[in-house]
Amino acid sequence: MKELQEKIEKFNEERDWDQFHSPANLAKSISIEAGELLECFQWNEDNYDIEEVKEELADVLNYCIQMANKLGVDPKQIVLDKMEKTAKKYPVEKAKGVSTKYTKL
């Protein structure tokens, strides 16, 4: 993960793009790219172009990693922290195999 973060940082530094990457701009970019990922499944969720999905997913991940870098947080750690918190909200014995919101379990 660290190697990927460093490659993304170097890529942006070489192009002087960091000046455009405020947390707000990165959040907007994540949302825009997530919309483009969703568009891959717009009319037929079973018949999608995997190459297009991979490209849009890569864009989302790229902006998420850039935002973590900008905020000075470790992406791996924040995902692990969130999973721990979510595990408490959705204990296996109540949540296994159901999509019910935690407030209604």
Protein backbone atom coordinates (compact mmCIF):
# COMPACT_ATOMS: atom_id res chain seq x y z
CA MET A 1 0.00 0.00 0.00
CA LYS A 2 2.82 2.39 0.86
CA GLU A 3 4.46 1.79 -2.52
CA LEU A 4 1.20 2.62 -4.29
CA GLN A 5 0.76 5.78 -2.22
CA GLU A 6 4.28 6.88 -3.11
CA LYS A 7 3.74 6.20 -6.84
CA ILE A 8 0.54 8.25 -6.84
CA GLU A 9 2.27 11.10 -5.00
CA LYS A 10 5.18 11.07 -7.46
CA PHE A 11 2.81 11.02 -10.43
CA ASN A 12 1.01 14.09 -9.11
CA GLU A 13 4.22 15.91 -8.16
CA GLU A 14 5.65 15.43 -11.64
CA ARG A 15 2.56 17.14 -13.09
CA ASP A 16 2.20 19.77 -10.34
CA TRP A 17 -1.36 18.62 -9.71
CA ASP A 18 -1.23 18.70 -5.92
CA GLN A 19 -2.33 22.34 -6.06
CA PHE A 20 -5.75 21.12 -7.25
CA HIS A 21 -6.11 18.37 -4.64
CA SER A 22 -7.76 19.97 -1.66
CA PRO A 23 -9.77 17.57 0.50
CA ALA A 24 -12.98 19.11 -0.89
CA ASN A 25 -11.85 18.68 -4.51
CA LEU A 26 -10.78 15.10 -3.84
CA ALA A 27 -14.13 14.32 -2.18
CA LYS A 28 -15.90 15.72 -5.24
CA SER A 29 -13.69 13.65 -7.53
CA ILE A 30 -14.41 10.48 -5.53
CA SER A 31 -18.13 11.10 -5.88
CA ILE A 32 -17.88 11.86 -9.60
CA GLU A 33 -15.82 8.76 -10.29
CA ALA A 34 -18.13 6.61 -8.14
CA GLY A 35 -20.99 7.85 -10.32
CA GLU A 36 -19.06 6.80 -13.42
CA LEU A 37 -18.48 3.38 -11.85
CA LEU A 38 -22.20 3.07 -11.16
CA GLU A 39 -22.93 4.06 -14.75
CA CYS A 40 -21.21 0.84 -15.86
CA PHE A 41 -24.21 -1.03 -14.40
CA GLN A 42 -26.92 1.49 -15.29
CA TRP A 43 -29.08 -0.52 -17.68
CA ASN A 44 -27.93 -4.08 -17.19
CA GLU A 45 -26.14 -5.15 -14.04
CA ASP A 46 -25.36 -8.61 -15.42
CA ASN A 47 -23.85 -7.51 -18.74
CA TYR A 48 -21.06 -5.04 -18.02
CA ASP A 49 -17.67 -4.32 -19.52
CA ILE A 50 -15.13 -5.53 -16.94
CA GLU A 51 -12.37 -3.37 -18.44
CA GLU A 52 -14.50 -0.25 -18.05
CA VAL A 53 -15.40 -1.26 -14.49
CA LYS A 54 -11.71 -1.76 -13.64
CA GLU A 55 -10.82 1.68 -14.99
CA GLU A 56 -13.57 3.45 -13.04
CA LEU A 57 -12.78 1.47 -9.89
CA ALA A 58 -9.12 2.43 -10.26
CA ASP A 59 -10.13 6.10 -10.50
CA VAL A 60 -12.17 5.84 -7.29
CA LEU A 61 -9.34 4.08 -5.46
CA ASN A 62 -6.78 6.56 -6.78
CA TYR A 63 -8.72 9.56 -5.46
CA CYS A 64 -9.38 7.82 -2.14
CA ILE A 65 -5.66 7.14 -1.69
CA GLN A 66 -4.86 10.73 -2.64
CA MET A 67 -7.33 11.98 -0.04
CA ALA A 68 -5.79 9.76 2.64
CA ASN A 69 -2.35 11.13 1.70
CA LYS A 70 -3.64 14.70 1.80
CA LEU A 71 -5.19 14.18 5.24
CA GLY A 72 -2.13 12.36 6.55
CA VAL A 73 -4.03 9.19 7.42
CA ASP A 74 -3.08 5.58 6.77
CA PRO A 75 -5.68 4.05 4.41
CA LYS A 76 -5.11 0.54 5.74
CA GLN A 77 -5.55 1.67 9.34
CA ILE A 78 -8.71 3.68 8.74
CA VAL A 79 -10.29 0.72 6.92
CA LEU A 80 -9.34 -1.63 9.77
CA ASP A 81 -10.69 0.85 12.35
CA LYS A 82 -13.97 1.18 10.47
CA MET A 83 -14.30 -2.60 10.11
CA GLU A 84 -13.87 -2.97 13.88
CA LYS A 85 -16.55 -0.35 14.50
CA THR A 86 -18.89 -1.92 11.94
CA ALA A 87 -18.37 -5.39 13.45
CA LYS A 88 -19.81 -4.06 16.72
CA LYS A 89 -22.85 -2.62 14.92
CA TYR A 90 -23.36 -5.82 12.93
CA PRO A 91 -22.51 -8.82 15.13
CA VAL A 92 -22.34 -12.06 13.15
CA GLU A 93 -25.10 -13.73 15.16
CA LYS A 94 -27.56 -10.97 14.18
CA ALA A 95 -26.32 -9.85 10.77
CA LYS A 96 -25.26 -13.02 9.00
CA GLY A 97 -27.09 -13.38 5.70
CA VAL A 98 -29.33 -10.32 6.14
CA SER A 99 -29.10 -6.77 4.81
CA THR A 100 -31.09 -5.14 7.61
CA LYS A 101 -29.74 -1.85 8.94
CA TYR A 102 -28.04 -2.20 12.33
CA THR A 103 -30.72 -0.09 14.04
CA LYS A 104 -33.30 -2.73 13.11
CA LEU A 105 -31.38 -5.92 13.91
